[in-house]
PDB file of N, CA and C in Angstrom:
ATOM      1  N   MET A   1       0.832  -1.185   0.000  1.00  0.00           N
ATOM      2  CA  MET A   1       0.000   0.000   0.000  1.00  0.00           C
ATOM      3  C   MET A   1       0.872   1.243   0.000  1.00  0.00           C
ATOM      4  N   SER A   2       0.472   2.198  -0.764  1.00  0.00           N
ATOM      5  CA  SER A   2       1.212   3.455  -0.775  1.00  0.00           C
ATOM      6  C   SER A   2       0.798   4.306   0.422  1.00  0.00           C
ATOM      7  N   GLU A   3       1.560   5.342   0.664  1.00  0.00           N
ATOM      8  CA  GLU A   3       1.284   6.229   1.794  1.00  0.00           C
ATOM      9  C   GLU A   3      -0.067   6.922   1.633  1.00  0.00           C
ATOM     10  N   GLU A   4      -0.418   7.259   0.406  1.00  0.00           N
ATOM     11  CA  GLU A   4      -1.715   7.918   0.146  1.00  0.00           C
ATOM     12  C   GLU A   4      -2.881   6.989   0.449  1.00  0.00           C
ATOM     13  N   GLU A   5      -2.750   5.720   0.060  1.00  0.00           N
ATOM     14  CA  GLU A   5      -3.805   4.749   0.351  1.00  0.00           C
ATOM     15  C   GLU A   5      -3.948   4.522   1.851  1.00  0.00           C
ATOM     16  N   ARG A   6      -2.835   4.488   2.564  1.00  0.00           N
ATOM     17  CA  ARG A   6      -2.883   4.323   4.020  1.00  0.00           C
ATOM     18  C   ARG A   6      -3.605   5.495   4.680  1.00  0.00           C
ATOM     19  N   ASN A   7      -3.315   6.697   4.215  1.00  0.00           N
ATOM     20  CA  ASN A   7      -3.982   7.869   4.777  1.00  0.00           C
ATOM     21  C   ASN A   7      -5.471   7.865   4.465  1.00  0.00           C
ATOM     22  N   ASP A   8      -5.845   7.398   3.265  1.00  0.00           N
ATOM     23  CA  ASP A   8      -7.262   7.293   2.930  1.00  0.00           C
ATOM     24  C   ASP A   8      -7.985   6.312   3.847  1.00  0.00           C
ATOM     25  N   VAL A   9      -7.342   5.183   4.122  1.00  0.00           N
ATOM     26  CA  VAL A   9      -7.942   4.181   5.008  1.00  0.00           C
ATOM     27  C   VAL A   9      -8.072   4.740   6.425  1.00  0.00           C
ATOM     28  N   LYS A  10      -7.046   5.452   6.891  1.00  0.00           N
ATOM     29  CA  LYS A  10      -7.101   6.043   8.235  1.00  0.00           C
ATOM     30  C   LYS A  10      -8.245   7.045   8.346  1.00  0.00           C
ATOM     31  N   THR A  11      -8.405   7.884   7.324  1.00  0.00           N
ATOM     32  CA  THR A  11      -9.483   8.871   7.385  1.00  0.00           C
ATOM     33  C   THR A  11     -10.847   8.203   7.287  1.00  0.00           C
ATOM     34  N   ASP A  12     -10.945   7.123   6.512  1.00  0.00           N
ATOM     35  CA  ASP A  12     -12.215   6.399   6.423  1.00  0.00           C
ATOM     36  C   ASP A  12     -12.585   5.759   7.754  1.00  0.00           C
ATOM     37  N   PHE A  13     -11.627   5.112   8.409  1.00  0.00           N
ATOM     38  CA  PHE A  13     -11.911   4.418   9.667  1.00  0.00           C
ATOM     39  C   PHE A  13     -12.148   5.362  10.830  1.00  0.00           C
ATOM     40  N   THR A  14     -11.658   6.581  10.751  1.00  0.00           N
ATOM     41  CA  THR A  14     -11.853   7.522  11.841  1.00  0.00           C
ATOM     42  C   THR A  14     -12.970   8.522  11.562  1.00  0.00           C
ATOM     43  N   SER A  15     -13.690   8.335  10.471  1.00  0.00           N
ATOM     44  CA  SER A  15     -14.783   9.253  10.165  1.00  0.00           C
ATOM     45  C   SER A  15     -15.969   8.992  11.095  1.00  0.00           C
ATOM     46  N   LYS A  16     -16.756  10.022  11.311  1.00  0.00           N
ATOM     47  CA  LYS A  16     -17.920   9.901  12.195  1.00  0.00           C
ATOM     48  C   LYS A  16     -18.919   8.891  11.653  1.00  0.00           C
ATOM     49  N   ARG A  17     -19.053   8.837  10.337  1.00  0.00           N
ATOM     50  CA  ARG A  17     -20.009   7.900   9.743  1.00  0.00           C
ATOM     51  C   ARG A  17     -19.597   6.453  10.016  1.00  0.00           C
ATOM     52  N   PHE A  18     -18.328   6.139   9.827  1.00  0.00           N
ATOM     53  CA  PHE A  18     -17.868   4.769  10.033  1.00  0.00           C
ATOM     54  C   PHE A  18     -18.003   4.363  11.495  1.00  0.00           C
ATOM     55  N   ILE A  19     -17.618   5.244  12.390  1.00  0.00           N
ATOM     56  CA  ILE A  19     -17.671   4.927  13.820  1.00  0.00           C
ATOM     57  C   ILE A  19     -19.119   4.777  14.288  1.00  0.00           C
ATOM     58  N   SER A  20     -20.015   5.639  13.785  1.00  0.00           N
ATOM     59  CA  SER A  20     -21.400   5.587  14.260  1.00  0.00           C
ATOM     60  C   SER A  20     -22.196   4.450  13.637  1.00  0.00           C
ATOM     61  N   THR A  21     -21.699   3.836  12.582  1.00  0.00           N
ATOM     62  CA  THR A  21     -22.432   2.720  11.990  1.00  0.00           C
ATOM     63  C   THR A  21     -21.720   1.406  12.266  1.00  0.00           C
ATOM     64  N   TYR A  22     -20.647   1.149  11.569  1.00  0.00           N
ATOM     65  CA  TYR A  22     -19.954  -0.126  11.705  1.00  0.00           C
ATOM     66  C   TYR A  22     -19.285  -0.280  13.061  1.00  0.00           C
ATOM     67  N   GLY A  23     -18.823   0.819  13.623  1.00  0.00           N
ATOM     68  CA  GLY A  23     -18.188   0.757  14.935  1.00  0.00           C
ATOM     69  C   GLY A  23     -19.148   0.319  16.021  1.00  0.00           C
ATOM     70  N   LEU A  24     -20.359   0.877  16.013  1.00  0.00           N
ATOM     71  CA  LEU A  24     -21.347   0.488  17.026  1.00  0.00           C
ATOM     72  C   LEU A  24     -21.815  -0.949  16.826  1.00  0.00           C
ATOM     73  N   VAL A  25     -21.990  -1.355  15.587  1.00  0.00           N
ATOM     74  CA  VAL A  25     -22.400  -2.740  15.316  1.00  0.00           C
ATOM     75  C   VAL A  25     -21.305  -3.705  15.780  1.00  0.00           C
ATOM     76  N   ALA A  26     -20.053  -3.391  15.477  1.00  0.00           N
ATOM     77  CA  ALA A  26     -18.943  -4.254  15.885  1.00  0.00           C
ATOM     78  C   ALA A  26     -18.798  -4.289  17.405  1.00  0.00           C
ATOM     79  N   LEU A  27     -18.948  -3.141  18.052  1.00  0.00           N
ATOM     80  CA  LEU A  27     -18.847  -3.096  19.507  1.00  0.00           C
ATOM     81  C   LEU A  27     -19.976  -3.891  20.165  1.00  0.00           C
ATOM     82  N   GLY A  28     -21.168  -3.826  19.588  1.00  0.00           N
ATOM     83  CA  GLY A  28     -22.277  -4.630  20.089  1.00  0.00           C
ATOM     84  C   GLY A  28     -22.002  -6.116  19.963  1.00  0.00           C
ATOM     85  N   CYS A  29     -21.407  -6.516  18.845  1.00  0.00           N
ATOM     86  CA  CYS A  29     -21.059  -7.932  18.663  1.00  0.00           C
ATOM     87  C   CYS A  29     -19.972  -8.370  19.637  1.00  0.00           C
ATOM     88  N   VAL A  30     -19.009  -7.498  19.902  1.00  0.00           N
ATOM     89  CA  VAL A  30     -17.955  -7.830  20.863  1.00  0.00           C
ATOM     90  C   VAL A  30     -18.541  -8.035  22.253  1.00  0.00           C
ATOM     91  N   PHE A  31     -19.430  -7.126  22.678  1.00  0.00           N
ATOM     92  CA  PHE A  31     -20.074  -7.293  23.985  1.00  0.00           C
ATOM     93  C   PHE A  31     -20.872  -8.586  24.040  1.00  0.00           C
ATOM     94  N   LEU A  32     -21.525  -8.939  22.952  1.00  0.00           N
ATOM     95  CA  LEU A  32     -22.309 -10.172  22.923  1.00  0.00           C
ATOM     96  C   LEU A  32     -21.409 -11.404  23.027  1.00  0.00           C
ATOM     97  N   LEU A  33     -20.239 -11.344  22.411  1.00  0.00           N
ATOM     98  CA  LEU A  33     -19.317 -12.476  22.465  1.00  0.00           C
ATOM     99  C   LEU A  33     -18.590 -12.571  23.808  1.00  0.00           C
ATOM    100  N   VAL A  34     -18.371 -11.451  24.477  1.00  0.00           N
ATOM    101  CA  VAL A  34     -17.646 -11.443  25.745  1.00  0.00           C
ATOM    102  C   VAL A  34     -18.565 -11.757  26.924  1.00  0.00           C
ATOM    103  N   GLU A  35     -19.840 -11.570  26.764  1.00  0.00           N
ATOM    104  CA  GLU A  35     -20.799 -11.761  27.856  1.00  0.00           C
ATOM    105  C   GLU A  35     -20.727 -13.149  28.489  1.00  0.00           C
ATOM    106  N   PRO A  36     -20.627 -14.236  27.738  1.00  0.00           N
ATOM    107  CA  PRO A  36     -20.558 -15.553  28.412  1.00  0.00           C
ATOM    108  C   PRO A  36     -19.311 -15.729  29.285  1.00  0.00           C
ATOM    109  N   ILE A  37     -18.241 -15.017  28.961  1.00  0.00           N
ATOM    110  CA  ILE A  37     -17.022 -15.143  29.758  1.00  0.00           C
ATOM    111  C   ILE A  37     -17.205 -14.518  31.133  1.00  0.00           C
ATOM    112  N   PHE A  38     -17.771 -13.323  31.166  1.00  0.00           N
ATOM    113  CA  PHE A  38     -17.931 -12.610  32.426  1.00  0.00           C
ATOM    114  C   PHE A  38     -19.266 -12.889  33.104  1.00  0.00           C
ATOM    115  N   GLU A  39     -20.218 -13.450  32.392  1.00  0.00           N
ATOM    116  CA  GLU A  39     -21.545 -13.787  32.907  1.00  0.00           C
ATOM    117  C   GLU A  39     -22.233 -12.596  33.552  1.00  0.00           C
ATOM    118  N   ILE A  40     -22.210 -11.479  32.843  1.00  0.00           N
ATOM    119  CA  ILE A  40     -22.884 -10.257  33.293  1.00  0.00           C
ATOM    120  C   ILE A  40     -24.082 -10.049  32.373  1.00  0.00           C
ATOM    121  N   ALA A  41     -25.270 -10.084  32.938  1.00  0.00           N
ATOM    122  CA  ALA A  41     -26.495 -10.061  32.135  1.00  0.00           C
ATOM    123  C   ALA A  41     -26.702  -8.745  31.392  1.00  0.00           C
ATOM    124  N   TRP A  42     -26.268  -7.633  31.983  1.00  0.00           N
ATOM    125  CA  TRP A  42     -26.530  -6.348  31.343  1.00  0.00           C
ATOM    126  C   TRP A  42     -25.703  -6.152  30.080  1.00  0.00           C
ATOM    127  N   MET A  43     -24.675  -6.983  29.873  1.00  0.00           N
ATOM    128  CA  MET A  43     -23.880  -6.869  28.648  1.00  0.00           C
ATOM    129  C   MET A  43     -24.704  -7.257  27.420  1.00  0.00           C
ATOM    130  N   LYS A  44     -25.664  -8.165  27.576  1.00  0.00           N
ATOM    131  CA  LYS A  44     -26.557  -8.511  26.474  1.00  0.00           C
ATOM    132  C   LYS A  44     -27.425  -7.321  26.096  1.00  0.00           C
ATOM    133  N   VAL A  45     -27.892  -6.609  27.097  1.00  0.00           N
ATOM    134  CA  VAL A  45     -28.728  -5.430  26.849  1.00  0.00           C
ATOM    135  C   VAL A  45     -27.918  -4.351  26.149  1.00  0.00           C
ATOM    136  N   ILE A  46     -26.716  -4.100  26.634  1.00  0.00           N
ATOM    137  CA  ILE A  46     -25.865  -3.086  26.016  1.00  0.00           C
ATOM    138  C   ILE A  46     -25.531  -3.470  24.577  1.00  0.00           C
ATOM    139  N   SER A  47     -25.228  -4.734  24.343  1.00  0.00           N
ATOM    140  CA  SER A  47     -24.898  -5.155  22.983  1.00  0.00           C
ATOM    141  C   SER A  47     -26.095  -4.994  22.050  1.00  0.00           C
ATOM    142  N   GLY A  48     -27.271  -5.299  22.533  1.00  0.00           N
ATOM    143  CA  GLY A  48     -28.473  -5.115  21.713  1.00  0.00           C
ATOM    144  C   GLY A  48     -28.742  -3.659  21.405  1.00  0.00           C
ATOM    145  N   VAL A  49     -28.542  -2.790  22.387  1.00  0.00           N
ATOM    146  CA  VAL A  49     -28.751  -1.357  22.182  1.00  0.00           C
ATOM    147  C   VAL A  49     -27.733  -0.800  21.188  1.00  0.00           C
ATOM    148  N   LEU A  50     -26.458  -1.133  21.357  1.00  0.00           N
ATOM    149  CA  LEU A  50     -25.428  -0.639  20.445  1.00  0.00           C
ATOM    150  C   LEU A  50     -25.652  -1.145  19.022  1.00  0.00           C
ATOM    151  N   PHE A  51     -25.999  -2.413  18.897  1.00  0.00           N
ATOM    152  CA  PHE A  51     -26.264  -2.987  17.581  1.00  0.00           C
ATOM    153  C   PHE A  51     -27.456  -2.295  16.927  1.00  0.00           C
ATOM    154  N   SER A  52     -28.513  -2.068  17.690  1.00  0.00           N
ATOM    155  CA  SER A  52     -29.709  -1.414  17.149  1.00  0.00           C
ATOM    156  C   SER A  52     -29.427   0.017  16.721  1.00  0.00           C
ATOM    157  N   ILE A  53     -28.711   0.761  17.547  1.00  0.00           N
ATOM    158  CA  ILE A  53     -28.379   2.145  17.194  1.00  0.00           C
ATOM    159  C   ILE A  53     -27.515   2.177  15.939  1.00  0.00           C
ATOM    160  N   GLY A  54     -26.544   1.288  15.852  1.00  0.00           N
ATOM    161  CA  GLY A  54     -25.689   1.224  14.663  1.00  0.00           C
ATOM    162  C   GLY A  54     -26.473   0.916  13.402  1.00  0.00           C
ATOM    163  N   MET A  55     -27.430  -0.006  13.479  1.00  0.00           N
ATOM    164  CA  MET A  55     -28.237  -0.353  12.305  1.00  0.00           C
ATOM    165  C   MET A  55     -29.180   0.791  11.918  1.00  0.00           C
ATOM    166  N   ILE A  56     -29.732   1.484  12.901  1.00  0.00           N
ATOM    167  CA  ILE A  56     -30.619   2.606  12.607  1.00  0.00           C
ATOM    168  C   ILE A  56     -29.845   3.742  11.943  1.00  0.00           C
ATOM    169  N   VAL A  57     -28.688   4.075  12.488  1.00  0.00           N
ATOM    170  CA  VAL A  57     -27.865   5.143  11.901  1.00  0.00           C
ATOM    171  C   VAL A  57     -27.403   4.749  10.501  1.00  0.00           C
ATOM    172  N   SER A  58     -27.041   3.498  10.318  1.00  0.00           N
ATOM    173  CA  SER A  58     -26.642   3.018   8.998  1.00  0.00           C
ATOM    174  C   SER A  58     -27.791   3.135   8.006  1.00  0.00           C
ATOM    175  N   SER A  59     -28.991   2.801   8.428  1.00  0.00           N
ATOM    176  CA  SER A  59     -30.161   2.916   7.554  1.00  0.00           C
ATOM    177  C   SER A  59     -30.427   4.364   7.171  1.00  0.00           C
ATOM    178  N   VAL A  60     -30.251   5.278   8.124  1.00  0.00           N
ATOM    179  CA  VAL A  60     -30.456   6.697   7.834  1.00  0.00           C
ATOM    180  C   VAL A  60     -29.429   7.190   6.816  1.00  0.00           C
ATOM    181  N   PHE A  61     -28.161   6.798   7.000  1.00  0.00           N
ATOM    182  CA  PHE A  61     -27.132   7.214   6.050  1.00  0.00           C
ATOM    183  C   PHE A  61     -27.389   6.632   4.666  1.00  0.00           C
ATOM    184  N   ILE A  62     -27.834   5.397   4.583  1.00  0.00           N
ATOM    185  CA  ILE A  62     -28.164   4.802   3.283  1.00  0.00           C
ATOM    186  C   ILE A  62     -29.301   5.573   2.641  1.00  0.00           C
ATOM    187  N   TRP A  63     -30.324   5.915   3.405  1.00  0.00           N
ATOM    188  CA  TRP A  63     -31.486   6.633   2.881  1.00  0.00           C
ATOM    189  C   TRP A  63     -31.090   8.024   2.368  1.00  0.00           C
ATOM    190  N   LEU A  64     -30.262   8.721   3.128  1.00  0.00           N
ATOM    191  CA  LEU A  64     -29.899  10.090   2.759  1.00  0.00           C
ATOM    192  C   LEU A  64     -28.934  10.157   1.583  1.00  0.00           C
ATOM    193  N   ASN A  65     -28.091   9.153   1.408  1.00  0.00           N
ATOM    194  CA  ASN A  65     -27.071   9.199   0.366  1.00  0.00           C
ATOM    195  C   ASN A  65     -27.440   8.453  -0.908  1.00  0.00           C
ATOM    196  N   ALA A  66     -28.619   7.870  -0.975  1.00  0.00           N
ATOM    197  CA  ALA A  66     -29.014   7.090  -2.148  1.00  0.00           C
ATOM    198  C   ALA A  66     -29.466   8.010  -3.270  1.00  0.00           C
ATOM    199  N   SER A  67     -29.182   7.571  -4.497  1.00  0.00           N
ATOM    200  CA  SER A  67     -29.604   8.359  -5.653  1.00  0.00           C
ATOM    201  C   SER A  67     -31.106   8.234  -5.887  1.00  0.00           C
ATOM    202  N   SER A  68     -31.667   7.089  -5.586  1.00  0.00           N
ATOM    203  CA  SER A  68     -33.118   6.922  -5.668  1.00  0.00           C
ATOM    204  C   SER A  68     -33.586   6.194  -4.415  1.00  0.00           C
ATOM    205  N   LYS A  69     -34.785   6.456  -4.026  1.00  0.00           N
ATOM    206  CA  LYS A  69     -35.297   5.870  -2.784  1.00  0.00           C
ATOM    207  C   LYS A  69     -35.517   4.360  -2.925  1.00  0.00           C
ATOM    208  N   TRP A  70     -35.773   3.892  -4.129  1.00  0.00           N
ATOM    209  CA  TRP A  70     -35.928   2.460  -4.358  1.00  0.00           C
ATOM    210  C   TRP A  70     -34.620   1.733  -4.058  1.00  0.00           C
ATOM    211  N   LYS A  71     -33.501   2.316  -4.498  1.00  0.00           N
ATOM    212  CA  LYS A  71     -32.202   1.724  -4.201  1.00  0.00           C
ATOM    213  C   LYS A  71     -31.913   1.788  -2.705  1.00  0.00           C
ATOM    214  N   ALA A  72     -32.370   2.835  -2.053  1.00  0.00           N
ATOM    215  CA  ALA A  72     -32.175   2.966  -0.613  1.00  0.00           C
ATOM    216  C   ALA A  72     -32.914   1.864   0.135  1.00  0.00           C
ATOM    217  N   VAL A  73     -34.145   1.598  -0.268  1.00  0.00           N
ATOM    218  CA  VAL A  73     -34.926   0.540   0.383  1.00  0.00           C
ATOM    219  C   VAL A  73     -34.244  -0.808   0.185  1.00  0.00           C
ATOM    220  N   LEU A  74     -33.731  -1.090  -1.001  1.00  0.00           N
ATOM    221  CA  LEU A  74     -33.032  -2.333  -1.246  1.00  0.00           C
ATOM    222  C   LEU A  74     -31.751  -2.421  -0.425  1.00  0.00           C
ATOM    223  N   GLY A  75     -31.034  -1.302  -0.292  1.00  0.00           N
ATOM    224  CA  GLY A  75     -29.828  -1.290   0.526  1.00  0.00           C
ATOM    225  C   GLY A  75     -30.110  -1.519   1.991  1.00  0.00           C
ATOM    226  N   ILE A  76     -31.183  -0.933   2.489  1.00  0.00           N
ATOM    227  CA  ILE A  76     -31.544  -1.094   3.897  1.00  0.00           C
ATOM    228  C   ILE A  76     -31.977  -2.528   4.160  1.00  0.00           C
ATOM    229  N   ILE A  77     -32.757  -3.093   3.279  1.00  0.00           N
ATOM    230  CA  ILE A  77     -33.205  -4.477   3.454  1.00  0.00           C
ATOM    231  C   ILE A  77     -32.027  -5.432   3.398  1.00  0.00           C
ATOM    232  N   SER A  78     -31.088  -5.201   2.487  1.00  0.00           N
ATOM    233  CA  SER A  78     -29.944  -6.097   2.375  1.00  0.00           C
ATOM    234  C   SER A  78     -29.012  -5.967   3.563  1.00  0.00           C
ATOM    235  N   SER A  79     -28.936  -4.806   4.185  1.00  0.00           N
ATOM    236  CA  SER A  79     -28.061  -4.652   5.350  1.00  0.00           C
ATOM    237  C   SER A  79     -28.641  -5.307   6.598  1.00  0.00           C
ATOM    238  N   MET A  80     -29.949  -5.486   6.629  1.00  0.00           N
ATOM    239  CA  MET A  80     -30.552  -6.139   7.781  1.00  0.00           C
ATOM    240  C   MET A  80     -30.483  -7.627   7.615  1.00  0.00           C
TER     241      MET A  80
END
């Protein structure tokens, strides 16, 4: 990878959109996977909330950035 490509990846991963969508979904999955180790019941609730918020924000971004609303609906359905 060239230096320019590395900087592009860094800016993509640190953008607010990436963190608020994929970051929350990934963090929710991590909490769900770690919960059996620590046996803390509220971790399931937190993972569900983070996953839900991430999917809702992702759906909003898909809806707002789509060229046509039909494509947006297909994108939202496929992401779920």
